[in-house]
C-alpha atoms as a PDB file:
ATOM      1  CA  MET A   1     122.711  93.780  85.340  1.00  0.00           C
ATOM      2  CA  ASP A   2     124.222  96.932  83.890  1.00  0.00           C
ATOM      3  CA  ALA A   3     127.163  97.026  81.491  1.00  0.00           C
ATOM      4  CA  ASP A   4     129.646  97.873  84.220  1.00  0.00           C
ATOM      5  CA  GLU A   5     128.753  94.775  86.239  1.00  0.00           C
ATOM      6  CA  ALA A   6     128.684  92.528  83.162  1.00  0.00           C
ATOM      7  CA  LEU A   7     132.172  93.624  82.137  1.00  0.00           C
ATOM      8  CA  ARG A   8     133.513  93.223  85.670  1.00  0.00           C
ATOM      9  CA  ARG A   9     132.015  89.715  85.911  1.00  0.00           C
ATOM     10  CA  ILE A  10     133.700  88.776  82.651  1.00  0.00           C
ATOM     11  CA  ALA A  11     137.045  90.104  83.921  1.00  0.00           C
ATOM     12  CA  PHE A  12     136.605  88.057  87.083  1.00  0.00           C
ATOM     13  CA  LEU A  13     135.830  84.852  85.173  1.00  0.00           C
ATOM     14  CA  LEU A  14     138.732  85.384  82.790  1.00  0.00           C
ATOM     15  CA  GLU A  15     141.052  85.710  85.778  1.00  0.00           C
ATOM     16  CA  TRP A  16     139.444  82.595  87.254  1.00  0.00           C
ATOM     17  CA  ARG A  17     140.451  80.731  84.095  1.00  0.00           C
ATOM     18  CA  GLY A  18     143.980  82.154  84.157  1.00  0.00           C
ATOM     19  CA  ALA A  19     143.547  84.225  81.009  1.00  0.00           C
ATOM     20  CA  SER A  20     146.126  86.727  79.806  1.00  0.00           C
ATOM     21  CA  PRO A  21     146.407  89.791  82.065  1.00  0.00           C
ATOM     22  CA  TYR A  22     145.934  91.940  78.962  1.00  0.00           C
ATOM     23  CA  ARG A  23     142.467  90.419  78.377  1.00  0.00           C
ATOM     24  CA  VAL A  24     141.471  90.819  82.005  1.00  0.00           C
ATOM     25  CA  ARG A  25     142.618  94.418  82.053  1.00  0.00           C
ATOM     26  CA  ALA A  26     140.765  95.196  78.808  1.00  0.00           C
ATOM     27  CA  PHE A  27     137.429  94.281  80.379  1.00  0.00           C
ATOM     28  CA  LEU A  28     138.157  96.214  83.570  1.00  0.00           C
ATOM     29  CA  THR A  29     139.108  99.266  81.496  1.00  0.00           C
ATOM     30  CA  ALA A  30     135.873  98.969  79.534  1.00  0.00           C
ATOM     31  CA  ALA A  31     133.910  98.626  82.782  1.00  0.00           C
ATOM     32  CA  GLU A  32     135.344 101.907  84.003  1.00  0.00           C
ATOM     33  CA  ALA A  33     134.371 103.590  80.735  1.00  0.00           C
ATOM     34  CA  ALA A  34     130.833 102.146  80.823  1.00  0.00           C
ATOM     35  CA  ARG A  35     130.194 103.241  84.385  1.00  0.00           C
ATOM     36  CA  GLY A  36     129.151 106.719  83.312  1.00  0.00           C
ATOM     37  CA  LEU A  37     126.609 105.630  80.696  1.00  0.00           C
ATOM     38  CA  PRO A  38     123.018 106.811  81.252  1.00  0.00           C
ATOM     39  CA  PRO A  39     120.274 104.165  81.663  1.00  0.00           C
ATOM     40  CA  GLY A  40     118.719 102.764  78.515  1.00  0.00           C
ATOM     41  CA  SER A  41     119.734 101.074  75.320  1.00  0.00           C
ATOM     42  CA  VAL A  42     123.209 101.723  73.938  1.00  0.00           C
ATOM     43  CA  SER A  43     124.245 100.480  70.506  1.00  0.00           C
ATOM     44  CA  ALA A  44     127.572  98.750  69.955  1.00  0.00           C
ATOM     45  CA  GLU A  45     128.533 101.610  67.646  1.00  0.00           C
ATOM     46  CA  ARG A  46     127.874 104.147  70.390  1.00  0.00           C
ATOM     47  CA  ALA A  47     129.783 102.039  72.911  1.00  0.00           C
ATOM     48  CA  ARG A  48     132.800 101.964  70.571  1.00  0.00           C
ATOM     49  CA  GLU A  49     133.060 105.730  71.001  1.00  0.00           C
ATOM     50  CA  LEU A  50     133.992 105.250  74.656  1.00  0.00           C
ATOM     51  CA  ARG A  51     137.688 105.312  75.437  1.00  0.00           C
ATOM     52  CA  GLY A  52     139.033 101.817  76.033  1.00  0.00           C
ATOM     53  CA  VAL A  53     136.028 100.001  74.529  1.00  0.00           C
ATOM     54  CA  GLY A  54     136.716  97.687  71.589  1.00  0.00           C
ATOM     55  CA  PRO A  55     134.519  95.469  69.404  1.00  0.00           C
ATOM     56  CA  VAL A  56     134.060  92.643  71.930  1.00  0.00           C
ATOM     57  CA  THR A  57     133.459  94.839  74.949  1.00  0.00           C
ATOM     58  CA  ALA A  58     131.135  97.065  72.893  1.00  0.00           C
ATOM     59  CA  GLU A  59     128.897  94.067  72.184  1.00  0.00           C
ATOM     60  CA  VAL A  60     128.808  93.288  75.897  1.00  0.00           C
ATOM     61  CA  VAL A  61     127.764  96.869  76.643  1.00  0.00           C
ATOM     62  CA  ALA A  62     125.059  96.799  73.978  1.00  0.00           C
ATOM     63  CA  GLN A  63     123.585  93.479  75.081  1.00  0.00           C
ATOM     64  CA  ALA A  64     123.658  94.410  78.780  1.00  0.00           C
ATOM     65  CA  SER A  65     121.963  97.735  78.053  1.00  0.00           C
ATOM     66  CA  GLU A  66     119.030  95.825  76.551  1.00  0.00           C
ATOM     67  CA  GLY A  67     118.466  94.109  79.888  1.00  0.00           C
ATOM     68  CA  GLY A  68     119.798  90.670  79.028  1.00  0.00           C
ATOM     69  CA  THR A  69     122.854  88.660  80.001  1.00  0.00           C
ATOM     70  CA  PRO A  70     125.540  89.250  77.354  1.00  0.00           C
ATOM     71  CA  ALA A  71     126.340  86.104  75.363  1.00  0.00           C
ATOM     72  CA  TYR A  72     130.048  86.316  76.196  1.00  0.00           C
ATOM     73  CA  LEU A  73     129.280  86.356  79.928  1.00  0.00           C
ATOM     74  CA  ALA A  74     126.726  83.552  79.638  1.00  0.00           C
ATOM     75  CA  ARG A  75     129.300  81.277  77.978  1.00  0.00           C
ATOM     76  CA  LEU A  76     131.899  81.956  80.657  1.00  0.00           C
ATOM     77  CA  GLU A  77     129.436  81.415  83.498  1.00  0.00           C
ATOM     78  CA  ALA A  78     128.211  78.138  82.035  1.00  0.00           C
ATOM     79  CA  ALA A  79     131.770  76.848  81.738  1.00  0.00           C
ATOM     80  CA  ALA A  80     132.867  78.023  85.200  1.00  0.00           C
ATOM     81  CA  GLY A  81     130.089  76.520  87.313  1.00  0.00           C
ATOM     82  CA  ALA A  82     129.248  76.916  90.982  1.00  0.00           C
ATOM     83  CA  ALA A  83     132.791  77.379  92.282  1.00  0.00           C
ATOM     84  CA  ALA A  84     133.288  80.538  90.251  1.00  0.00           C
ATOM     85  CA  ARG A  85     129.917  81.874  91.389  1.00  0.00           C
ATOM     86  CA  ALA A  86     131.048  81.367  94.977  1.00  0.00           C
ATOM     87  CA  GLY A  87     134.205  83.286  94.119  1.00  0.00           C
ATOM     88  CA  TRP A  88     132.158  86.205  92.816  1.00  0.00           C
ATOM     89  CA  GLU A  89     130.299  86.271  96.137  1.00  0.00           C
ATOM     90  CA  LEU A  90     133.661  86.303  97.911  1.00  0.00           C
ATOM     91  CA  ALA A  91     134.682  89.359  95.900  1.00  0.00           C
ATOM     92  CA  GLY A  92     131.432  90.999  96.958  1.00  0.00           C
ATOM     93  CA  ALA A  93     132.414  90.511 100.601  1.00  0.00           C
ATOM     94  CA  THR A  94     135.439  92.804 100.363  1.00  0.00           C
ATOM     95  CA  LEU A  95     135.458  95.652 102.851  1.00  0.00           C
ATOM     96  CA  GLY A  96     138.830  97.242 102.230  1.00  0.00           C
ATOM     97  CA  ASP A  97     142.216  97.449 100.538  1.00  0.00           C
ATOM     98  CA  CYS A  98     145.526  97.423 102.416  1.00  0.00           C
ATOM     99  CA  HIS A  99     147.725  98.863  99.667  1.00  0.00           C
ATOM    100  CA  LEU A 100     147.184 102.055  97.700  1.00  0.00           C
ATOM    101  CA  HIS A 101     149.327 105.037  96.760  1.00  0.00           C
ATOM    102  CA  SER A 102     148.665 108.759  96.514  1.00  0.00           C
ATOM    103  CA  ASP A 103     150.486 111.690  94.977  1.00  0.00           C
ATOM    104  CA  TRP A 104     152.499 111.975  98.161  1.00  0.00           C
ATOM    105  CA  SER A 105     154.781 109.337  96.604  1.00  0.00           C
ATOM    106  CA  ASP A 106     154.357 107.782  93.128  1.00  0.00           C
ATOM    107  CA  GLY A 107     150.565 107.768  92.868  1.00  0.00           C
ATOM    108  CA  GLY A 108     148.784 110.150  90.546  1.00  0.00           C
ATOM    109  CA  SER A 109     145.919 111.389  92.738  1.00  0.00           C
ATOM    110  CA  PRO A 110     145.454 113.192  96.046  1.00  0.00           C
ATOM    111  CA  ILE A 111     144.598 111.240  99.179  1.00  0.00           C
ATOM    112  CA  GLN A 112     141.033 112.546  99.164  1.00  0.00           C
ATOM    113  CA  GLU A 113     140.395 111.280  95.630  1.00  0.00           C
ATOM    114  CA  MET A 114     141.708 107.824  96.475  1.00  0.00           C
ATOM    115  CA  ALA A 115     139.500 107.728  99.565  1.00  0.00           C
ATOM    116  CA  ASP A 116     136.463 108.882  97.570  1.00  0.00           C
ATOM    117  CA  ALA A 117     137.045 106.171  94.961  1.00  0.00           C
ATOM    118  CA  ALA A 118     137.315 103.468  97.627  1.00  0.00           C
ATOM    119  CA  ARG A 119     134.151 104.713  99.299  1.00  0.00           C
ATOM    120  CA  ALA A 120     132.311 104.772  95.956  1.00  0.00           C
ATOM    121  CA  LEU A 121     133.161 101.105  95.421  1.00  0.00           C
ATOM    122  CA  GLY A 122     131.503 100.258  98.719  1.00  0.00           C
ATOM    123  CA  HIS A 123     134.665  99.817 100.767  1.00  0.00           C
ATOM    124  CA  HIS A 124     134.352 100.440 104.493  1.00  0.00           C
ATOM    125  CA  TRP A 125     138.043 101.225 104.826  1.00  0.00           C
ATOM    126  CA  ALA A 126     141.255 101.608 102.829  1.00  0.00           C
ATOM    127  CA  VAL A 127     144.906 102.157 103.729  1.00  0.00           C
ATOM    128  CA  VAL A 128     147.209 104.788 102.241  1.00  0.00           C
ATOM    129  CA  THR A 129     150.586 103.063 101.886  1.00  0.00           C
ATOM    130  CA  ASP A 130     152.945 105.471 100.188  1.00  0.00           C
ATOM    131  CA  HIS A 131     156.587 104.501  99.842  1.00  0.00           C
ATOM    132  CA  SER A 132     159.325 104.786 102.465  1.00  0.00           C
ATOM    133  CA  PRO A 133     162.422 107.054 102.265  1.00  0.00           C
ATOM    134  CA  ARG A 134     164.865 104.725 100.529  1.00  0.00           C
ATOM    135  CA  LEU A 135     162.733 104.489  97.375  1.00  0.00           C
ATOM    136  CA  THR A 136     163.707 107.937  96.146  1.00  0.00           C
ATOM    137  CA  VAL A 137     162.599 107.167  92.580  1.00  0.00           C
ATOM    138  CA  ALA A 138     159.047 106.919  93.972  1.00  0.00           C
ATOM    139  CA  HIS A 139     159.434 110.059  96.113  1.00  0.00           C
ATOM    140  CA  GLY A 140     159.382 108.000  99.306  1.00  0.00           C
ATOM    141  CA  LEU A 141     158.245 109.693 102.501  1.00  0.00           C
ATOM    142  CA  SER A 142     160.850 111.000 104.923  1.00  0.00           C
ATOM    143  CA  PRO A 143     159.896 110.782 108.594  1.00  0.00           C
ATOM    144  CA  ASP A 144     158.816 114.432 108.584  1.00  0.00           C
ATOM    145  CA  ARG A 145     156.670 114.000 105.472  1.00  0.00           C
ATOM    146  CA  LEU A 146     155.082 110.859 106.925  1.00  0.00           C
ATOM    147  CA  ARG A 147     154.184 112.790 110.083  1.00  0.00           C
ATOM    148  CA  ARG A 148     152.482 115.409 107.947  1.00  0.00           C
ATOM    149  CA  GLN A 149     150.679 112.683 106.012  1.00  0.00           C
ATOM    150  CA  LEU A 150     149.295 111.243 109.239  1.00  0.00           C
ATOM    151  CA  GLU A 151     147.568 114.578 109.791  1.00  0.00           C
ATOM    152  CA  ALA A 152     146.265 114.617 106.202  1.00  0.00           C
ATOM    153  CA  VAL A 153     144.838 111.091 106.547  1.00  0.00           C
ATOM    154  CA  ALA A 154     143.111 111.996 109.815  1.00  0.00           C
ATOM    155  CA  ALA A 155     141.535 115.040 108.154  1.00  0.00           C
ATOM    156  CA  VAL A 156     139.816 112.838 105.547  1.00  0.00           C
ATOM    157  CA  ASN A 157     137.790 110.966 108.148  1.00  0.00           C
ATOM    158  CA  ALA A 158     134.527 112.690 109.040  1.00  0.00           C
ATOM    159  CA  PRO A 159     133.220 112.038 112.572  1.00  0.00           C
ATOM    160  CA  GLY A 160     130.666 109.245 112.501  1.00  0.00           C
ATOM    161  CA  GLY A 161     131.332 108.438 108.854  1.00  0.00           C
ATOM    162  CA  SER A 162     130.774 104.949 107.444  1.00  0.00           C
ATOM    163  CA  PHE A 163     134.166 104.916 105.692  1.00  0.00           C
ATOM    164  CA  ARG A 164     137.542 105.131 107.377  1.00  0.00           C
ATOM    165  CA  LEU A 165     140.863 105.912 105.741  1.00  0.00           C
ATOM    166  CA  LEU A 166     143.692 104.237 107.620  1.00  0.00           C
ATOM    167  CA  SER A 167     147.311 105.318 107.901  1.00  0.00           C
ATOM    168  CA  GLY A 168     150.002 103.071 106.521  1.00  0.00           C
ATOM    169  CA  ILE A 169     153.176 102.712 104.520  1.00  0.00           C
ATOM    170  CA  GLU A 170     154.713 100.430 101.933  1.00  0.00           C
ATOM    171  CA  CYS A 171     158.007 100.023 103.714  1.00  0.00           C
ATOM    172  CA  ASP A 172     161.141  98.863 101.926  1.00  0.00           C
ATOM    173  CA  ILE A 173     162.714  95.705 103.292  1.00  0.00           C
ATOM    174  CA  LEU A 174     166.365  96.696 103.582  1.00  0.00           C
ATOM    175  CA  ASP A 175     169.288  94.391 102.831  1.00  0.00           C
ATOM    176  CA  ASP A 176     169.458  93.131 106.425  1.00  0.00           C
ATOM    177  CA  GLY A 177     165.698  92.606 106.643  1.00  0.00           C
ATOM    178  CA  SER A 178     164.990  95.722 108.716  1.00  0.00           C
ATOM    179  CA  LEU A 179     162.226  98.147 107.734  1.00  0.00           C
ATOM    180  CA  ASP A 180     162.938 101.505 106.136  1.00  0.00           C
ATOM    181  CA  GLN A 181     161.299 103.914 108.584  1.00  0.00           C
ATOM    182  CA  GLU A 182     161.702 105.158 112.142  1.00  0.00           C
ATOM    183  CA  GLU A 183     160.564 102.661 114.774  1.00  0.00           C
ATOM    184  CA  GLU A 184     158.376 105.213 116.533  1.00  0.00           C
ATOM    185  CA  LEU A 185     156.551 106.101 113.339  1.00  0.00           C
ATOM    186  CA  LEU A 186     155.960 102.477 112.370  1.00  0.00           C
ATOM    187  CA  GLY A 187     154.333 102.008 115.753  1.00  0.00           C
ATOM    188  CA  ARG A 188     151.869 104.837 115.034  1.00  0.00           C
ATOM    189  CA  LEU A 189     150.638 103.476 111.706  1.00  0.00           C
ATOM    190  CA  ASP A 190     147.510 101.355 111.309  1.00  0.00           C
ATOM    191  CA  VAL A 191     148.940  98.995 108.661  1.00  0.00           C
ATOM    192  CA  VAL A 192     152.490  98.325 107.444  1.00  0.00           C
ATOM    193  CA  VAL A 193     153.094  96.594 104.105  1.00  0.00           C
ATOM    194  CA  ALA A 194     156.692  95.378 103.852  1.00  0.00           C
ATOM    195  CA  SER A 195     158.081  94.879 100.332  1.00  0.00           C
ATOM    196  CA  VAL A 196     161.399  94.190  98.617  1.00  0.00           C
ATOM    197  CA  HIS A 197     162.193  96.757  95.915  1.00  0.00           C
ATOM    198  CA  SER A 198     165.957  96.378  95.494  1.00  0.00           C
ATOM    199  CA  LYS A 199     168.469  93.644  94.683  1.00  0.00           C
ATOM    200  CA  LEU A 200     165.611  91.477  93.427  1.00  0.00           C
ATOM    201  CA  ARG A 201     168.087  89.085  91.786  1.00  0.00           C
ATOM    202  CA  SER A 202     169.969  88.296  94.974  1.00  0.00           C
ATOM    203  CA  GLU A 203     170.988  84.717  95.660  1.00  0.00           C
ATOM    204  CA  PRO A 204     168.282  82.649  97.396  1.00  0.00           C
ATOM    205  CA  GLY A 205     170.120  82.458 100.737  1.00  0.00           C
ATOM    206  CA  PRO A 206     170.467  86.200 101.395  1.00  0.00           C
ATOM    207  CA  MET A 207     167.002  86.916  99.981  1.00  0.00           C
ATOM    208  CA  THR A 208     165.419  84.298 102.238  1.00  0.00           C
ATOM    209  CA  ALA A 209     167.189  85.653 105.331  1.00  0.00           C
ATOM    210  CA  ARG A 210     166.134  89.190 104.412  1.00  0.00           C
ATOM    211  CA  MET A 211     162.477  88.227 104.016  1.00  0.00           C
ATOM    212  CA  LEU A 212     162.402  86.075 107.155  1.00  0.00           C
ATOM    213  CA  ALA A 213     163.659  88.980 109.243  1.00  0.00           C
ATOM    214  CA  ALA A 214     161.048  91.297 107.756  1.00  0.00           C
ATOM    215  CA  VAL A 215     157.975  89.105 108.160  1.00  0.00           C
ATOM    216  CA  ARG A 216     158.957  88.393 111.773  1.00  0.00           C
ATOM    217  CA  ASN A 217     159.271  92.121 112.525  1.00  0.00           C
ATOM    218  CA  PRO A 218     156.483  93.112 114.951  1.00  0.00           C
ATOM    219  CA  HIS A 219     155.619  96.097 112.774  1.00  0.00           C
ATOM    220  CA  ALA A 220     155.107  94.098 109.549  1.00  0.00           C
ATOM    221  CA  ASP A 221     151.465  93.307 108.829  1.00  0.00           C
ATOM    222  CA  VAL A 222     151.550  92.362 105.132  1.00  0.00           C
ATOM    223  CA  LEU A 223     154.310  90.934 102.918  1.00  0.00           C
ATOM    224  CA  GLY A 224     153.873  92.880  99.673  1.00  0.00           C
ATOM    225  CA  HIS A 225     154.276  91.415  96.140  1.00  0.00           C
ATOM    226  CA  CYS A 226     156.605  88.744  97.463  1.00  0.00           C
ATOM    227  CA  THR A 227     158.451  87.759  94.272  1.00  0.00           C
ATOM    228  CA  GLY A 228     158.721  91.213  92.671  1.00  0.00           C
ATOM    229  CA  ARG A 229     157.976  89.692  89.280  1.00  0.00           C
ATOM    230  CA  ILE A 230     156.550  91.541  86.253  1.00  0.00           C
ATOM    231  CA  VAL A 231     154.619  89.414  83.749  1.00  0.00           C
ATOM    232  CA  THR A 232     153.826  91.973  81.027  1.00  0.00           C
ATOM    233  CA  GLY A 233     155.968  93.916  78.574  1.00  0.00           C
ATOM    234  CA  ARG A 234     159.667  93.156  78.888  1.00  0.00           C
ATOM    235  CA  GLY A 235     158.871  91.483  82.210  1.00  0.00           C
ATOM    236  CA  ARG A 236     161.035  90.768  85.230  1.00  0.00           C
ATOM    237  CA  PRO A 237     161.803  87.336  86.670  1.00  0.00           C
ATOM    238  CA  GLN A 238     160.645  86.481  90.149  1.00  0.00           C
ATOM    239  CA  SER A 239     163.055  86.622  93.052  1.00  0.00           C
ATOM    240  CA  ARG A 240     164.466  83.330  94.299  1.00  0.00           C
ATOM    241  CA  PHE A 241     163.970  82.454  97.957  1.00  0.00           C
ATOM    242  CA  ASP A 242     162.882  79.570 100.173  1.00  0.00           C
ATOM    243  CA  ALA A 243     159.158  80.177  99.864  1.00  0.00           C
ATOM    244  CA  GLY A 244     158.271  77.340 102.231  1.00  0.00           C
ATOM    245  CA  ALA A 245     160.349  78.875 105.007  1.00  0.00           C
ATOM    246  CA  VAL A 246     159.065  82.407 104.374  1.00  0.00           C
ATOM    247  CA  PHE A 247     155.408  81.384 104.314  1.00  0.00           C
ATOM    248  CA  ALA A 248     155.827  79.241 107.427  1.00  0.00           C
ATOM    249  CA  ALA A 249     157.261  82.320 109.168  1.00  0.00           C
ATOM    250  CA  CYS A 250     154.344  84.430 107.920  1.00  0.00           C
ATOM    251  CA  ALA A 251     151.853  81.913 109.302  1.00  0.00           C
ATOM    252  CA  GLU A 252     153.647  81.776 112.646  1.00  0.00           C
ATOM    253  CA  ALA A 253     153.949  85.552 112.976  1.00  0.00           C
ATOM    254  CA  GLY A 254     150.461  86.308 111.666  1.00  0.00           C
ATOM    255  CA  THR A 255     151.871  88.360 108.783  1.00  0.00           C
ATOM    256  CA  ALA A 256     149.543  88.272 105.781  1.00  0.00           C
ATOM    257  CA  VAL A 257     150.785  87.416 102.303  1.00  0.00           C
ATOM    258  CA  GLU A 258     149.606  89.923  99.732  1.00  0.00           C
ATOM    259  CA  ILE A 259     147.715  88.779  96.643  1.00  0.00           C
ATOM    260  CA  ASN A 260     148.775  91.714  94.504  1.00  0.00           C
ATOM    261  CA  CYS A 261     146.132  92.510  91.896  1.00  0.00           C
ATOM    262  CA  ARG A 262     148.123  94.702  89.531  1.00  0.00           C
ATOM    263  CA  PRO A 263     147.788  93.043  86.099  1.00  0.00           C
ATOM    264  CA  GLU A 264     151.523  93.246  85.465  1.00  0.00           C
ATOM    265  CA  ARG A 265     152.318  91.509  88.761  1.00  0.00           C
ATOM    266  CA  ARG A 266     149.821  88.734  89.615  1.00  0.00           C
ATOM    267  CA  ASP A 267     152.063  88.115  92.575  1.00  0.00           C
ATOM    268  CA  PRO A 268     152.512  85.533  94.051  1.00  0.00           C
ATOM    269  CA  PRO A 269     152.338  83.144  91.087  1.00  0.00           C
ATOM    270  CA  ASP A 270     149.959  80.218  91.387  1.00  0.00           C
ATOM    271  CA  ASP A 271     152.458  77.693  92.695  1.00  0.00           C
ATOM    272  CA  LEU A 272     153.528  79.994  95.522  1.00  0.00           C
ATOM    273  CA  LEU A 273     149.964  81.049  96.256  1.00  0.00           C
ATOM    274  CA  ARG A 274     149.085  77.392  96.712  1.00  0.00           C
ATOM    275  CA  LEU A 275     152.103  76.910  98.969  1.00  0.00           C
ATOM    276  CA  ALA A 276     151.136  79.894 101.130  1.00  0.00           C
ATOM    277  CA  ALA A 277     147.551  78.646 101.365  1.00  0.00           C
ATOM    278  CA  GLU A 278     148.747  75.207 102.467  1.00  0.00           C
ATOM    279  CA  ALA A 279     151.052  76.847 105.048  1.00  0.00           C
ATOM    280  CA  GLY A 280     148.013  78.406 106.730  1.00  0.00           C
ATOM    281  CA  CYS A 281     148.845  82.032 105.916  1.00  0.00           C
ATOM    282  CA  LEU A 282     146.471  84.942 106.083  1.00  0.00           C
ATOM    283  CA  PHE A 283     146.141  86.985 102.888  1.00  0.00           C
ATOM    284  CA  ALA A 284     145.447  90.584 101.865  1.00  0.00           C
ATOM    285  CA  VAL A 285     143.834  91.002  98.433  1.00  0.00           C
ATOM    286  CA  ASP A 286     145.322  94.373  97.465  1.00  0.00           C
ATOM    287  CA  THR A 287     145.210  96.502  94.342  1.00  0.00           C
ATOM    288  CA  ASP A 288     148.494  98.390  94.848  1.00  0.00           C
ATOM    289  CA  ALA A 289     146.463 101.128  93.162  1.00  0.00           C
ATOM    290  CA  HIS A 290     148.226 104.275  91.983  1.00  0.00           C
ATOM    291  CA  ALA A 291     145.048 105.883  90.587  1.00  0.00           C
ATOM    292  CA  PRO A 292     141.333 105.748  91.502  1.00  0.00           C
ATOM    293  CA  ASP A 293     140.269 103.562  88.555  1.00  0.00           C
ATOM    294  CA  GLN A 294     142.785 100.884  89.566  1.00  0.00           C
ATOM    295  CA  LEU A 295     140.829 100.042  92.730  1.00  0.00           C
ATOM    296  CA  ASP A 296     138.628  97.837  90.523  1.00  0.00           C
ATOM    297  CA  TRP A 297     141.562  95.475  90.008  1.00  0.00           C
ATOM    298  CA  GLN A 298     140.767  93.801  93.320  1.00  0.00           C
ATOM    299  CA  LEU A 299     138.323  91.486  91.531  1.00  0.00           C
ATOM    300  CA  SER A 300     141.146  89.544  89.921  1.00  0.00           C
ATOM    301  CA  GLY A 301     142.773  88.832  93.272  1.00  0.00           C
ATOM    302  CA  TYR A 302     139.559  87.416  94.678  1.00  0.00           C
ATOM    303  CA  ALA A 303     139.225  85.164  91.645  1.00  0.00           C
ATOM    304  CA  ARG A 304     142.653  83.754  92.417  1.00  0.00           C
ATOM    305  CA  ALA A 305     141.892  83.443  96.139  1.00  0.00           C
ATOM    306  CA  ALA A 306     138.689  81.543  95.412  1.00  0.00           C
ATOM    307  CA  ARG A 307     140.494  79.164  93.048  1.00  0.00           C
ATOM    308  CA  PHE A 308     142.649  78.075  95.983  1.00  0.00           C
ATOM    309  CA  GLY A 309     139.746  77.685  98.385  1.00  0.00           C
ATOM    310  CA  LEU A 310     140.473  80.745 100.526  1.00  0.00           C
ATOM    311  CA  GLY A 311     137.484  82.087 102.446  1.00  0.00           C
ATOM    312  CA  PRO A 312     136.776  85.319 104.344  1.00  0.00           C
ATOM    313  CA  ASP A 313     138.455  84.170 107.568  1.00  0.00           C
ATOM    314  CA  ARG A 314     141.791  83.980 105.720  1.00  0.00           C
ATOM    315  CA  LEU A 315     141.344  87.251 103.786  1.00  0.00           C
ATOM    316  CA  VAL A 316     141.928  90.321 105.946  1.00  0.00           C
ATOM    317  CA  THR A 317     140.485  92.602 103.254  1.00  0.00           C
ATOM    318  CA  THR A 318     137.033  91.142 104.002  1.00  0.00           C
ATOM    319  CA  TRP A 319     137.281  91.983 107.697  1.00  0.00           C
ATOM    320  CA  PRO A 320     135.511  94.899 109.427  1.00  0.00           C
ATOM    321  CA  VAL A 321     137.846  97.700 110.418  1.00  0.00           C
ATOM    322  CA  ASP A 322     137.748  96.863 114.138  1.00  0.00           C
ATOM    323  CA  ARG A 323     138.817  93.288 113.447  1.00  0.00           C
ATOM    324  CA  LEU A 324     141.541  94.483 111.082  1.00  0.00           C
ATOM    325  CA  LEU A 325     142.941  96.903 113.646  1.00  0.00           C
ATOM    326  CA  GLY A 326     142.754  94.256 116.338  1.00  0.00           C
ATOM    327  CA  TRP A 327     144.881  92.046 114.110  1.00  0.00           C
ATOM    328  CA  THR A 328     147.485  94.728 113.409  1.00  0.00           C
ATOM    329  CA  ALA A 329     147.678  95.411 117.158  1.00  0.00           C
ATOM    330  CA  ARG A 330     148.644  91.770 117.823  1.00  0.00           C
ATOM    331  CA  HIS A 331     152.234  92.710 118.732  1.00  0.00           C
ATOM    332  CA  GLY A 332     151.240  95.558 120.970  1.00  0.00           C
ATOM    333  CA  ARG A 333     150.733  98.279 118.363  1.00  0.00           C
ATOM    334  CA  GLY A 334     147.676 100.299 119.236  1.00  0.00           C
ATOM    335  CA  PRO A 335     144.830 100.741 116.743  1.00  0.00           C
END
């Protein structure tokens, strides 16, 4: 294997073990840096010159470039066993990502660059889900801007191409549980991710009612980062709500629960992920990427999904685009 794959495998296995998000992210950052290396032997000293590569990751690069399995990776694989290997295969089955942002809202890259990055990773499809109007701090899309974005998304897709960029939105769940965009526009989108971004410290009763209304909305396809927590830096506590009731409603409505792969989120936490799995929910393993190099974060979500025994039938991000669009059309929305 090359250095990029070795580093990504290590990141996956660290996530499998529940390691610190900082450690996981360090190996993914190094993998991105190593991706551009030419074939052939690379010394650890040379690898250290790459941005984001430290002493440990440099040794991995050097050993992989010699054609062997890096010692760090070999130790992790030996300790993890067959279940983790099955999880790696699950990650390899991914076909798309339901949640990514462009520079139309708070992302840093144009739509075309995000699509190109997803295609380069081997995705068959990806969904642009820029923010809705209420989230002004993230330059949320007014109805008119969203209409213009629909045209921009359509222009990315070449006739007969093997990759398809889908239209979508990350729609704010408003205080009463309604979705922050015009009904007609929501009906035109391929995928709607519904997320709470405000009043995250509400009392459990109102928060539960708000989320129940949203996940039962015919336009909602995915419940995004359900607790709103942040686990790095100063952090942010998770929202309090009746998770059993919300996940039961998701399972009944066919609304997927997002496994958000951003290192600072890891949302839902393990106890809620287990609860959602036991409730029979579908899941979307999403990066919530705001830049092309963040699309690699999806690996960590698949590690978590595999730990809880979730297979491809429960993970909509492993589905072909026709099956995905058939699912989002379940309430009468056309693909």
